Amino acid sequence: MNVRARPAKPPFVVKGWHVAAGVVAFFALVVGVDAAFLVTAYRTHPGQVAPRPYEAGLIYNAELERLRVQDALGWRAGAEARANGLDVLMQDREGRPLTGLKVSATLQRPATEQGRAEVVLREEAPGQYGVDRALSGAWDARIEAVDAAGRSFIAERRLTWP
């Protein structure tokens, strides 16, 4: 019996179509993964940060206009936490005291609204307004001053009482 030897298989040779198929497969994988990420991102976050962005934009624009008018007014406020209350010094652009203002302050804790208080400050000296109130710890103060002509000024400060 004669057994014929099988012819030897030629070695594997990379041809042009192998390279083309590899490049196409690589980019198909990249495009597929990118598409999956895009679909997942779009479904989980539609891009809207505020529930009503248009209204939020209008409020922001109004706040910018209020700040522009307030800056043109040139008033300055200094707030100080004293042992038994709050002192606010109101001055005009040249540093002269502003008298006859209606000054109020909203005090609230930085991390919570518990203990929130609204107080009216009285004029104790020219340009110096104050209120007696026992406080301790850190508080955010929103100070609002209005003159007889209706011009208003708002300052926000973080104050700390012992």
C-alpha atoms as a PDB file:
ATOM      1  CA  MET A   1       0.000   0.000   0.000  1.00  0.00           C
ATOM      2  CA  ASN A   2       1.189   3.303  -1.048  1.00  0.00           C
ATOM      3  CA  VAL A   3       0.439   6.245   1.233  1.00  0.00           C
ATOM      4  CA  ARG A   4       0.688   9.448  -0.497  1.00  0.00           C
ATOM      5  CA  ALA A   5       2.028  12.335   1.603  1.00  0.00           C
ATOM      6  CA  ARG A   6      -0.145  15.333   1.781  1.00  0.00           C
ATOM      7  CA  PRO A   7       1.258  18.391   0.195  1.00  0.00           C
ATOM      8  CA  ALA A   8       2.573  20.902   2.775  1.00  0.00           C
ATOM      9  CA  LYS A   9       0.225  23.778   3.543  1.00  0.00           C
ATOM     10  CA  PRO A  10       1.689  27.105   2.500  1.00  0.00           C
ATOM     11  CA  PRO A  11       2.400  29.506   5.399  1.00  0.00           C
ATOM     12  CA  PHE A  12      -0.186  32.227   6.237  1.00  0.00           C
ATOM     13  CA  VAL A  13       0.506  35.455   4.414  1.00  0.00           C
ATOM     14  CA  VAL A  14      -1.192  38.747   5.323  1.00  0.00           C
ATOM     15  CA  LYS A  15      -2.730  40.167   2.235  1.00  0.00           C
ATOM     16  CA  GLY A  16      -4.230  43.543   1.470  1.00  0.00           C
ATOM     17  CA  TRP A  17      -7.800  42.447   2.077  1.00  0.00           C
ATOM     18  CA  HIS A  18      -6.823  41.191   5.575  1.00  0.00           C
ATOM     19  CA  VAL A  19      -5.505  44.644   6.497  1.00  0.00           C
ATOM     20  CA  ALA A  20      -8.573  46.348   5.020  1.00  0.00           C
ATOM     21  CA  ALA A  21     -10.913  44.044   6.955  1.00  0.00           C
ATOM     22  CA  GLY A  22      -8.981  44.698  10.201  1.00  0.00           C
ATOM     23  CA  VAL A  23      -9.156  48.486   9.768  1.00  0.00           C
ATOM     24  CA  VAL A  24     -12.864  48.366   8.941  1.00  0.00           C
ATOM     25  CA  ALA A  25     -13.551  46.107  11.951  1.00  0.00           C
ATOM     26  CA  PHE A  26     -11.576  48.406  14.280  1.00  0.00           C
ATOM     27  CA  PHE A  27     -13.432  51.547  13.207  1.00  0.00           C
ATOM     28  CA  ALA A  28     -16.774  49.724  13.272  1.00  0.00           C
ATOM     29  CA  LEU A  29     -16.072  48.767  16.888  1.00  0.00           C
ATOM     30  CA  VAL A  30     -15.085  52.359  17.801  1.00  0.00           C
ATOM     31  CA  VAL A  31     -18.166  53.831  16.105  1.00  0.00           C
ATOM     32  CA  GLY A  32     -20.402  51.241  17.792  1.00  0.00           C
ATOM     33  CA  VAL A  33     -19.026  51.987  21.273  1.00  0.00           C
ATOM     34  CA  ASP A  34     -19.292  55.771  20.691  1.00  0.00           C
ATOM     35  CA  ALA A  35     -22.888  55.359  19.514  1.00  0.00           C
ATOM     36  CA  ALA A  36     -23.720  53.336  22.626  1.00  0.00           C
ATOM     37  CA  PHE A  37     -22.185  56.032  24.857  1.00  0.00           C
ATOM     38  CA  LEU A  38     -24.081  58.796  23.039  1.00  0.00           C
ATOM     39  CA  VAL A  39     -27.413  56.993  23.330  1.00  0.00           C
ATOM     40  CA  THR A  40     -26.821  56.274  27.029  1.00  0.00           C
ATOM     41  CA  ALA A  41     -25.779  59.864  27.731  1.00  0.00           C
ATOM     42  CA  TYR A  42     -28.763  61.315  25.897  1.00  0.00           C
ATOM     43  CA  ARG A  43     -31.245  59.036  27.654  1.00  0.00           C
ATOM     44  CA  THR A  44     -29.875  59.699  31.131  1.00  0.00           C
ATOM     45  CA  HIS A  45     -29.357  63.483  30.887  1.00  0.00           C
ATOM     46  CA  PRO A  46     -31.358  65.536  28.388  1.00  0.00           C
ATOM     47  CA  GLY A  47     -29.094  68.572  28.891  1.00  0.00           C
ATOM     48  CA  GLN A  48     -31.609  70.600  30.866  1.00  0.00           C
ATOM     49  CA  VAL A  49     -30.136  71.777  34.170  1.00  0.00           C
ATOM     50  CA  ALA A  50     -33.131  73.687  35.538  1.00  0.00           C
ATOM     51  CA  PRO A  51     -36.721  72.456  35.390  1.00  0.00           C
ATOM     52  CA  ARG A  52     -37.755  75.754  33.790  1.00  0.00           C
ATOM     53  CA  PRO A  53     -34.632  77.174  32.132  1.00  0.00           C
ATOM     54  CA  TYR A  54     -36.319  80.055  30.334  1.00  0.00           C
ATOM     55  CA  GLU A  55     -37.793  81.460  33.540  1.00  0.00           C
ATOM     56  CA  ALA A  56     -34.478  80.907  35.333  1.00  0.00           C
ATOM     57  CA  GLY A  57     -32.748  82.898  32.588  1.00  0.00           C
ATOM     58  CA  LEU A  58     -35.217  85.770  32.970  1.00  0.00           C
ATOM     59  CA  ILE A  59     -34.643  85.854  36.732  1.00  0.00           C
ATOM     60  CA  TYR A  60     -30.878  85.817  36.184  1.00  0.00           C
ATOM     61  CA  ASN A  61     -31.110  88.687  33.682  1.00  0.00           C
ATOM     62  CA  ALA A  62     -33.235  90.691  36.128  1.00  0.00           C
ATOM     63  CA  GLU A  63     -30.639  90.080  38.857  1.00  0.00           C
ATOM     64  CA  LEU A  64     -27.850  91.275  36.543  1.00  0.00           C
ATOM     65  CA  GLU A  65     -29.827  94.450  35.794  1.00  0.00           C
ATOM     66  CA  ARG A  66     -30.434  95.012  39.518  1.00  0.00           C
ATOM     67  CA  LEU A  67     -26.700  94.664  40.178  1.00  0.00           C
ATOM     68  CA  ARG A  68     -25.899  97.105  37.344  1.00  0.00           C
ATOM     69  CA  VAL A  69     -28.290  99.718  38.758  1.00  0.00           C
ATOM     70  CA  GLN A  70     -26.959  99.114  42.273  1.00  0.00           C
ATOM     71  CA  ASP A  71     -23.371  99.527  41.083  1.00  0.00           C
ATOM     72  CA  ALA A  72     -24.268 102.835  39.420  1.00  0.00           C
ATOM     73  CA  LEU A  73     -25.839 103.963  42.708  1.00  0.00           C
ATOM     74  CA  GLY A  74     -22.446 103.632  44.389  1.00  0.00           C
ATOM     75  CA  TRP A  75     -23.607 102.674  47.865  1.00  0.00           C
ATOM     76  CA  ARG A  76     -21.476 100.477  50.095  1.00  0.00           C
ATOM     77  CA  ALA A  77     -22.396  98.403  53.117  1.00  0.00           C
ATOM     78  CA  GLY A  78     -20.263  96.997  55.874  1.00  0.00           C
ATOM     79  CA  ALA A  79     -21.693  94.456  58.267  1.00  0.00           C
ATOM     80  CA  GLU A  80     -20.284  93.395  61.608  1.00  0.00           C
ATOM     81  CA  ALA A  81     -21.345  90.752  64.086  1.00  0.00           C
ATOM     82  CA  ARG A  82     -21.235  92.212  67.560  1.00  0.00           C
ATOM     83  CA  ALA A  83     -21.725  90.309  70.796  1.00  0.00           C
ATOM     84  CA  ASN A  84     -25.377  91.287  71.189  1.00  0.00           C
ATOM     85  CA  GLY A  85     -26.510  91.858  67.611  1.00  0.00           C
ATOM     86  CA  LEU A  86     -25.760  93.142  64.148  1.00  0.00           C
ATOM     87  CA  ASP A  87     -24.266  96.453  62.988  1.00  0.00           C
ATOM     88  CA  VAL A  88     -24.460  97.726  59.409  1.00  0.00           C
ATOM     89  CA  LEU A  89     -22.622 100.804  58.129  1.00  0.00           C
ATOM     90  CA  MET A  90     -24.114 102.387  54.982  1.00  0.00           C
ATOM     91  CA  GLN A  91     -22.029 104.822  52.915  1.00  0.00           C
ATOM     92  CA  ASP A  92     -22.290 106.555  49.570  1.00  0.00           C
ATOM     93  CA  ARG A  93     -19.637 106.538  46.832  1.00  0.00           C
ATOM     94  CA  GLU A  94     -17.525 109.185  48.625  1.00  0.00           C
ATOM     95  CA  GLY A  95     -17.708 107.414  51.988  1.00  0.00           C
ATOM     96  CA  ARG A  96     -20.301 109.745  53.536  1.00  0.00           C
ATOM     97  CA  PRO A  97     -22.883 108.077  55.796  1.00  0.00           C
ATOM     98  CA  LEU A  98     -26.319 107.396  54.320  1.00  0.00           C
ATOM     99  CA  THR A  99     -29.074 108.459  56.686  1.00  0.00           C
ATOM    100  CA  GLY A 100     -32.821 107.963  56.695  1.00  0.00           C
ATOM    101  CA  LEU A 101     -32.769 104.515  55.125  1.00  0.00           C
ATOM    102  CA  LYS A 102     -35.151 101.677  55.892  1.00  0.00           C
ATOM    103  CA  VAL A 103     -32.777  98.792  56.563  1.00  0.00           C
ATOM    104  CA  SER A 104     -33.761  95.187  57.146  1.00  0.00           C
ATOM    105  CA  ALA A 105     -31.854  91.933  57.201  1.00  0.00           C
ATOM    106  CA  THR A 106     -32.713  88.307  56.609  1.00  0.00           C
ATOM    107  CA  LEU A 107     -30.569  86.000  58.707  1.00  0.00           C
ATOM    108  CA  GLN A 108     -30.330  82.297  58.021  1.00  0.00           C
ATOM    109  CA  ARG A 109     -27.935  79.447  58.643  1.00  0.00           C
ATOM    110  CA  PRO A 110     -25.666  78.583  55.697  1.00  0.00           C
ATOM    111  CA  ALA A 111     -26.721  74.931  55.521  1.00  0.00           C
ATOM    112  CA  THR A 112     -30.360  75.039  56.602  1.00  0.00           C
ATOM    113  CA  GLU A 113     -33.348  77.349  56.798  1.00  0.00           C
ATOM    114  CA  GLN A 114     -33.999  76.428  60.406  1.00  0.00           C
ATOM    115  CA  GLY A 115     -33.810  79.510  62.597  1.00  0.00           C
ATOM    116  CA  ARG A 116     -34.366  81.907  59.696  1.00  0.00           C
ATOM    117  CA  ALA A 117     -35.167  85.387  60.958  1.00  0.00           C
ATOM    118  CA  GLU A 118     -36.084  88.708  59.421  1.00  0.00           C
ATOM    119  CA  VAL A 119     -35.120  91.764  61.452  1.00  0.00           C
ATOM    120  CA  VAL A 120     -35.553  95.507  61.025  1.00  0.00           C
ATOM    121  CA  LEU A 121     -32.485  97.595  61.846  1.00  0.00           C
ATOM    122  CA  ARG A 122     -32.771 101.039  63.416  1.00  0.00           C
ATOM    123  CA  GLU A 123     -30.481 103.986  62.776  1.00  0.00           C
ATOM    124  CA  GLU A 124     -28.209 104.320  65.830  1.00  0.00           C
ATOM    125  CA  ALA A 125     -25.885 106.985  64.390  1.00  0.00           C
ATOM    126  CA  PRO A 126     -25.570 108.670  60.970  1.00  0.00           C
ATOM    127  CA  GLY A 127     -25.180 105.805  58.508  1.00  0.00           C
ATOM    128  CA  GLN A 128     -24.968 103.180  61.253  1.00  0.00           C
ATOM    129  CA  TYR A 129     -27.862 100.771  61.612  1.00  0.00           C
ATOM    130  CA  GLY A 130     -28.201  98.015  64.159  1.00  0.00           C
ATOM    131  CA  VAL A 131     -30.379  95.483  65.885  1.00  0.00           C
ATOM    132  CA  ASP A 132     -30.030  93.700  69.194  1.00  0.00           C
ATOM    133  CA  ARG A 133     -30.385  89.957  68.788  1.00  0.00           C
ATOM    134  CA  ALA A 134     -28.542  87.157  70.527  1.00  0.00           C
ATOM    135  CA  LEU A 135     -26.924  84.931  67.895  1.00  0.00           C
ATOM    136  CA  SER A 136     -24.160  82.369  67.836  1.00  0.00           C
ATOM    137  CA  GLY A 137     -22.310  80.583  65.059  1.00  0.00           C
ATOM    138  CA  ALA A 138     -22.269  81.297  61.336  1.00  0.00           C
ATOM    139  CA  TRP A 139     -25.150  83.116  59.647  1.00  0.00           C
ATOM    140  CA  ASP A 140     -25.779  84.426  56.133  1.00  0.00           C
ATOM    141  CA  ALA A 141     -27.132  87.972  56.226  1.00  0.00           C
ATOM    142  CA  ARG A 142     -29.018  89.520  53.306  1.00  0.00           C
ATOM    143  CA  ILE A 143     -29.174  93.234  54.066  1.00  0.00           C
ATOM    144  CA  GLU A 144     -31.689  95.371  52.198  1.00  0.00           C
ATOM    145  CA  ALA A 145     -31.702  99.170  52.370  1.00  0.00           C
ATOM    146  CA  VAL A 146     -34.229 101.496  50.715  1.00  0.00           C
ATOM    147  CA  ASP A 147     -34.145 105.291  50.702  1.00  0.00           C
ATOM    148  CA  ALA A 148     -37.088 107.718  50.531  1.00  0.00           C
ATOM    149  CA  ALA A 149     -36.828 107.876  46.718  1.00  0.00           C
ATOM    150  CA  GLY A 150     -37.316 104.107  46.477  1.00  0.00           C
ATOM    151  CA  ARG A 151     -33.744 103.309  45.466  1.00  0.00           C
ATOM    152  CA  SER A 152     -32.715  99.978  46.909  1.00  0.00           C
ATOM    153  CA  PHE A 153     -29.475  98.284  47.814  1.00  0.00           C
ATOM    154  CA  ILE A 154     -28.882  94.619  48.692  1.00  0.00           C
ATOM    155  CA  ALA A 155     -25.722  93.209  50.247  1.00  0.00           C
ATOM    156  CA  GLU A 156     -25.038  89.643  51.283  1.00  0.00           C
ATOM    157  CA  ARG A 157     -22.476  88.744  53.935  1.00  0.00           C
ATOM    158  CA  ARG A 158     -21.545  85.679  55.960  1.00  0.00           C
ATOM    159  CA  LEU A 159     -21.093  86.649  59.586  1.00  0.00           C
ATOM    160  CA  THR A 160     -19.894  84.628  62.556  1.00  0.00           C
ATOM    161  CA  TRP A 161     -20.885  85.224  66.159  1.00  0.00           C
ATOM    162  CA  PRO A 162     -19.017  83.679  69.064  1.00  0.00           C
END
